[in-house]
Amino acid sequence: MDANDILRRYAAGERSFRQVNLKGISLVGVNLSDVDFTGANLTNSDLSGSDLSNTNFNWANLRGANTSNTNLKGAKMPDGRMYNEKLKSANYFGSYVIL
C-alpha cells in the first residue's frame, strides 16, 4: 500500500488501516485524523506536519518515524513501539502516550 492508496481510501471514508505495512511511507502534511493504525508498520515513515489527531497507534511500530510538527492530539499509543523517532515539535496535548 502506498500514500496514494491511503489518501484515496481515507477520502472515501475509510478509517481502519489495521496491520498495514507502510514502512518508509511519506505522508507529509496530510490529514489522517481519527485513523486506526493498530498494529501497522510505520517504521522510517515521514509523518511530519500531518494531522494525526485522535489516531490509534496501539501496537503500531513507529521506529524511526518522523513526527516533527505533527498534530498527535488525542492519539492513543499505549502499546506502540516508538524507538528513535523524531518527536521535535509534535503536539501530544491530550494524548495517552507511554514511551
N, C-alpha and C. Protein backbone atom coordinates (compact mmCIF):
# COMPACT_ATOMS: atom_id res chain seq x y z
N MET A 1 0.84 -1.16 0.00
CA MET A 1 0.00 0.00 0.00
C MET A 1 0.90 1.24 0.00
N ASP A 2 0.55 2.23 -0.83
CA ASP A 2 1.35 3.44 -0.87
C ASP A 2 0.52 4.64 -0.39
N ALA A 3 1.15 5.81 -0.38
CA ALA A 3 0.49 7.02 0.14
C ALA A 3 -0.78 7.34 -0.63
N ASN A 4 -0.76 7.18 -1.94
CA ASN A 4 -1.96 7.47 -2.74
C ASN A 4 -3.12 6.56 -2.38
N ASP A 5 -2.83 5.28 -2.11
CA ASP A 5 -3.88 4.34 -1.69
C ASP A 5 -4.50 4.78 -0.38
N ILE A 6 -3.64 5.12 0.59
CA ILE A 6 -4.13 5.55 1.91
C ILE A 6 -5.01 6.79 1.76
N LEU A 7 -4.52 7.79 1.04
CA LEU A 7 -5.26 9.05 0.90
C LEU A 7 -6.58 8.86 0.14
N ARG A 8 -6.56 8.02 -0.88
CA ARG A 8 -7.79 7.75 -1.64
C ARG A 8 -8.82 7.04 -0.75
N ARG A 9 -8.38 6.04 -0.02
CA ARG A 9 -9.29 5.30 0.85
C ARG A 9 -9.80 6.17 1.99
N TYR A 10 -8.91 7.03 2.53
CA TYR A 10 -9.33 7.96 3.59
C TYR A 10 -10.39 8.93 3.05
N ALA A 11 -10.18 9.46 1.86
CA ALA A 11 -11.14 10.39 1.25
C ALA A 11 -12.49 9.72 1.00
N ALA A 12 -12.47 8.40 0.79
CA ALA A 12 -13.71 7.65 0.57
C ALA A 12 -14.40 7.28 1.88
N GLY A 13 -13.78 7.67 3.01
CA GLY A 13 -14.41 7.44 4.31
C GLY A 13 -13.82 6.31 5.13
N GLU A 14 -12.86 5.59 4.60
CA GLU A 14 -12.25 4.51 5.35
C GLU A 14 -11.35 5.07 6.44
N ARG A 15 -11.43 4.49 7.62
CA ARG A 15 -10.60 4.94 8.74
C ARG A 15 -9.80 3.81 9.37
N SER A 16 -10.05 2.58 8.98
CA SER A 16 -9.35 1.45 9.56
C SER A 16 -8.23 0.98 8.63
N PHE A 17 -7.00 1.15 9.11
CA PHE A 17 -5.81 0.70 8.40
C PHE A 17 -4.98 -0.17 9.32
N ARG A 18 -5.67 -1.11 9.96
CA ARG A 18 -5.03 -2.01 10.91
C ARG A 18 -4.10 -2.97 10.19
N GLN A 19 -2.93 -3.22 10.81
CA GLN A 19 -1.97 -4.21 10.34
C GLN A 19 -1.38 -3.90 8.96
N VAL A 20 -1.53 -2.68 8.44
CA VAL A 20 -0.97 -2.37 7.12
C VAL A 20 0.54 -2.14 7.21
N ASN A 21 1.23 -2.43 6.12
CA ASN A 21 2.68 -2.21 6.07
C ASN A 21 2.92 -0.90 5.32
N LEU A 22 3.30 0.14 6.06
CA LEU A 22 3.57 1.45 5.48
C LEU A 22 5.01 1.85 5.74
N LYS A 23 5.89 0.87 5.80
CA LYS A 23 7.30 1.12 6.08
C LYS A 23 7.87 2.11 5.06
N GLY A 24 8.46 3.19 5.59
CA GLY A 24 9.12 4.18 4.76
C GLY A 24 8.19 5.10 3.97
N ILE A 25 6.91 5.08 4.26
CA ILE A 25 5.94 5.88 3.52
C ILE A 25 6.11 7.37 3.82
N SER A 26 5.82 8.21 2.86
CA SER A 26 5.85 9.65 3.06
C SER A 26 4.41 10.18 3.07
N LEU A 27 3.99 10.62 4.24
CA LEU A 27 2.66 11.21 4.42
C LEU A 27 2.83 12.59 5.04
N VAL A 28 3.60 13.42 4.37
CA VAL A 28 3.94 14.74 4.87
C VAL A 28 2.76 15.70 4.67
N GLY A 29 2.34 16.35 5.76
CA GLY A 29 1.33 17.40 5.69
C GLY A 29 -0.07 16.95 5.33
N VAL A 30 -0.39 15.69 5.55
CA VAL A 30 -1.73 15.20 5.20
C VAL A 30 -2.64 15.17 6.43
N ASN A 31 -3.94 15.09 6.20
CA ASN A 31 -4.91 14.94 7.27
C ASN A 31 -5.35 13.49 7.30
N LEU A 32 -4.98 12.80 8.37
CA LEU A 32 -5.42 11.43 8.60
C LEU A 32 -5.93 11.31 10.03
N SER A 33 -6.69 12.30 10.46
CA SER A 33 -7.22 12.27 11.83
C SER A 33 -8.25 11.14 11.96
N ASP A 34 -8.34 10.62 13.16
CA ASP A 34 -9.30 9.57 13.52
C ASP A 34 -9.06 8.23 12.84
N VAL A 35 -7.83 7.96 12.42
CA VAL A 35 -7.49 6.70 11.75
C VAL A 35 -7.10 5.65 12.78
N ASP A 36 -7.36 4.41 12.45
CA ASP A 36 -6.93 3.29 13.30
C ASP A 36 -5.75 2.60 12.62
N PHE A 37 -4.55 2.84 13.17
CA PHE A 37 -3.32 2.22 12.68
C PHE A 37 -2.87 1.12 13.64
N THR A 38 -3.80 0.45 14.32
CA THR A 38 -3.45 -0.61 15.24
C THR A 38 -2.61 -1.67 14.53
N GLY A 39 -1.45 -1.95 15.09
CA GLY A 39 -0.58 -2.98 14.55
C GLY A 39 0.10 -2.64 13.23
N ALA A 40 -0.02 -1.41 12.77
CA ALA A 40 0.56 -1.03 11.48
C ALA A 40 2.08 -0.88 11.60
N ASN A 41 2.76 -1.11 10.49
CA ASN A 41 4.20 -0.91 10.42
C ASN A 41 4.47 0.44 9.77
N LEU A 42 4.87 1.42 10.57
CA LEU A 42 5.18 2.77 10.08
C LEU A 42 6.66 3.10 10.30
N THR A 43 7.51 2.07 10.33
CA THR A 43 8.93 2.31 10.55
C THR A 43 9.50 3.19 9.44
N ASN A 44 10.34 4.12 9.87
CA ASN A 44 11.02 5.05 8.97
C ASN A 44 10.06 5.85 8.08
N SER A 45 8.83 6.02 8.51
CA SER A 45 7.88 6.81 7.73
C SER A 45 8.05 8.29 8.05
N ASP A 46 7.65 9.13 7.12
CA ASP A 46 7.71 10.58 7.32
C ASP A 46 6.29 11.09 7.47
N LEU A 47 5.92 11.39 8.71
CA LEU A 47 4.58 11.89 9.04
C LEU A 47 4.62 13.36 9.42
N SER A 48 5.70 14.02 9.11
CA SER A 48 5.91 15.40 9.55
C SER A 48 4.83 16.34 9.01
N GLY A 49 4.39 17.23 9.89
CA GLY A 49 3.41 18.24 9.52
C GLY A 49 2.01 17.72 9.29
N SER A 50 1.76 16.46 9.60
CA SER A 50 0.44 15.86 9.36
C SER A 50 -0.49 16.04 10.55
N ASP A 51 -1.78 15.90 10.28
CA ASP A 51 -2.78 15.89 11.34
C ASP A 51 -3.16 14.44 11.59
N LEU A 52 -2.65 13.89 12.68
CA LEU A 52 -2.94 12.52 13.10
C LEU A 52 -3.66 12.53 14.44
N SER A 53 -4.42 13.59 14.67
CA SER A 53 -5.16 13.70 15.94
C SER A 53 -6.17 12.57 16.07
N ASN A 54 -6.33 12.11 17.28
CA ASN A 54 -7.27 11.04 17.62
C ASN A 54 -7.01 9.73 16.89
N THR A 55 -5.77 9.54 16.46
CA THR A 55 -5.40 8.32 15.75
C THR A 55 -4.99 7.25 16.75
N ASN A 56 -5.34 6.00 16.45
CA ASN A 56 -4.99 4.88 17.31
C ASN A 56 -3.75 4.20 16.76
N PHE A 57 -2.65 4.28 17.53
CA PHE A 57 -1.39 3.64 17.16
C PHE A 57 -1.10 2.44 18.06
N ASN A 58 -2.12 1.86 18.67
CA ASN A 58 -1.92 0.73 19.56
C ASN A 58 -1.21 -0.40 18.82
N TRP A 59 -0.08 -0.84 19.37
CA TRP A 59 0.76 -1.90 18.82
C TRP A 59 1.35 -1.56 17.46
N ALA A 60 1.33 -0.31 17.06
CA ALA A 60 1.97 0.11 15.81
C ALA A 60 3.47 0.23 16.02
N ASN A 61 4.23 0.00 14.98
CA ASN A 61 5.68 0.15 15.04
C ASN A 61 6.04 1.46 14.36
N LEU A 62 6.51 2.42 15.15
CA LEU A 62 6.87 3.74 14.66
C LEU A 62 8.37 3.99 14.78
N ARG A 63 9.15 2.91 14.77
CA ARG A 63 10.61 3.04 14.89
C ARG A 63 11.14 3.90 13.75
N GLY A 64 11.85 4.97 14.12
CA GLY A 64 12.44 5.86 13.13
C GLY A 64 11.48 6.80 12.44
N ALA A 65 10.22 6.82 12.86
CA ALA A 65 9.23 7.69 12.21
C ALA A 65 9.51 9.15 12.53
N ASN A 66 9.31 10.01 11.56
CA ASN A 66 9.48 11.45 11.74
C ASN A 66 8.10 12.06 12.00
N THR A 67 7.91 12.54 13.23
CA THR A 67 6.64 13.19 13.59
C THR A 67 6.85 14.66 13.90
N SER A 68 7.85 15.26 13.29
CA SER A 68 8.10 16.69 13.51
C SER A 68 6.90 17.51 13.08
N ASN A 69 6.49 18.42 13.94
CA ASN A 69 5.36 19.31 13.67
C ASN A 69 4.07 18.57 13.33
N THR A 70 3.92 17.38 13.86
CA THR A 70 2.73 16.57 13.62
C THR A 70 1.74 16.77 14.76
N ASN A 71 0.46 16.88 14.42
CA ASN A 71 -0.59 17.00 15.42
C ASN A 71 -0.99 15.60 15.86
N LEU A 72 -0.62 15.24 17.09
CA LEU A 72 -0.97 13.94 17.66
C LEU A 72 -1.91 14.10 18.85
N LYS A 73 -2.62 15.20 18.88
CA LYS A 73 -3.55 15.46 19.99
C LYS A 73 -4.60 14.35 20.05
N GLY A 74 -4.72 13.76 21.21
CA GLY A 74 -5.70 12.70 21.43
C GLY A 74 -5.28 11.35 20.87
N ALA A 75 -4.08 11.23 20.33
CA ALA A 75 -3.61 9.96 19.77
C ALA A 75 -3.44 8.93 20.88
N LYS A 76 -3.69 7.69 20.55
CA LYS A 76 -3.57 6.59 21.51
C LYS A 76 -2.39 5.72 21.11
N MET A 77 -1.39 5.67 22.00
CA MET A 77 -0.20 4.87 21.75
C MET A 77 0.24 4.11 22.99
N PRO A 78 -0.66 3.51 23.75
CA PRO A 78 -0.23 2.87 24.99
C PRO A 78 0.68 1.67 24.78
N ASP A 79 0.58 0.98 23.65
CA ASP A 79 1.41 -0.18 23.40
C ASP A 79 2.29 0.01 22.18
N GLY A 80 2.32 1.22 21.64
CA GLY A 80 3.10 1.46 20.43
C GLY A 80 4.59 1.41 20.68
N ARG A 81 5.32 0.99 19.68
CA ARG A 81 6.77 0.95 19.77
C ARG A 81 7.30 2.17 19.04
N MET A 82 7.85 3.12 19.79
CA MET A 82 8.33 4.36 19.21
C MET A 82 9.79 4.53 19.60
N TYR A 83 10.68 3.87 18.90
CA TYR A 83 12.09 3.95 19.20
C TYR A 83 12.79 4.87 18.20
N ASN A 84 13.62 5.76 18.72
CA ASN A 84 14.43 6.65 17.89
C ASN A 84 13.59 7.54 16.98
N GLU A 85 12.36 7.77 17.32
CA GLU A 85 11.51 8.61 16.49
C GLU A 85 11.91 10.07 16.64
N LYS A 86 11.62 10.86 15.66
CA LYS A 86 11.91 12.29 15.69
C LYS A 86 10.65 12.99 16.16
N LEU A 87 10.63 13.36 17.43
CA LEU A 87 9.42 13.91 18.03
C LEU A 87 9.46 15.42 18.16
N LYS A 88 10.37 16.06 17.47
CA LYS A 88 10.52 17.50 17.56
C LYS A 88 9.22 18.22 17.21
N SER A 89 8.74 19.03 18.11
CA SER A 89 7.57 19.89 17.91
C SER A 89 6.26 19.14 17.68
N ALA A 90 6.20 17.87 18.01
CA ALA A 90 4.93 17.15 17.89
C ALA A 90 3.99 17.62 18.97
N ASN A 91 2.71 17.75 18.66
CA ASN A 91 1.69 18.18 19.61
C ASN A 91 1.02 16.95 20.17
N TYR A 92 1.34 16.64 21.45
CA TYR A 92 0.76 15.49 22.12
C TYR A 92 -0.32 15.86 23.13
N PHE A 93 -0.75 17.11 23.18
CA PHE A 93 -1.70 17.55 24.20
C PHE A 93 -2.93 16.66 24.19
N GLY A 94 -3.23 16.06 25.31
CA GLY A 94 -4.40 15.22 25.44
C GLY A 94 -4.19 13.79 24.95
N SER A 95 -2.96 13.42 24.63
CA SER A 95 -2.68 12.08 24.15
C SER A 95 -2.37 11.16 25.32
N TYR A 96 -2.59 9.90 25.13
CA TYR A 96 -2.19 8.89 26.09
C TYR A 96 -0.98 8.18 25.51
N VAL A 97 0.18 8.58 25.97
CA VAL A 97 1.42 8.09 25.38
C VAL A 97 2.32 7.55 26.48
N ILE A 98 2.80 6.35 26.28
CA ILE A 98 3.81 5.78 27.16
C ILE A 98 5.01 5.47 26.31
N LEU A 99 6.13 6.11 26.59
CA LEU A 99 7.33 5.87 25.80
C LEU A 99 8.33 5.11 26.62
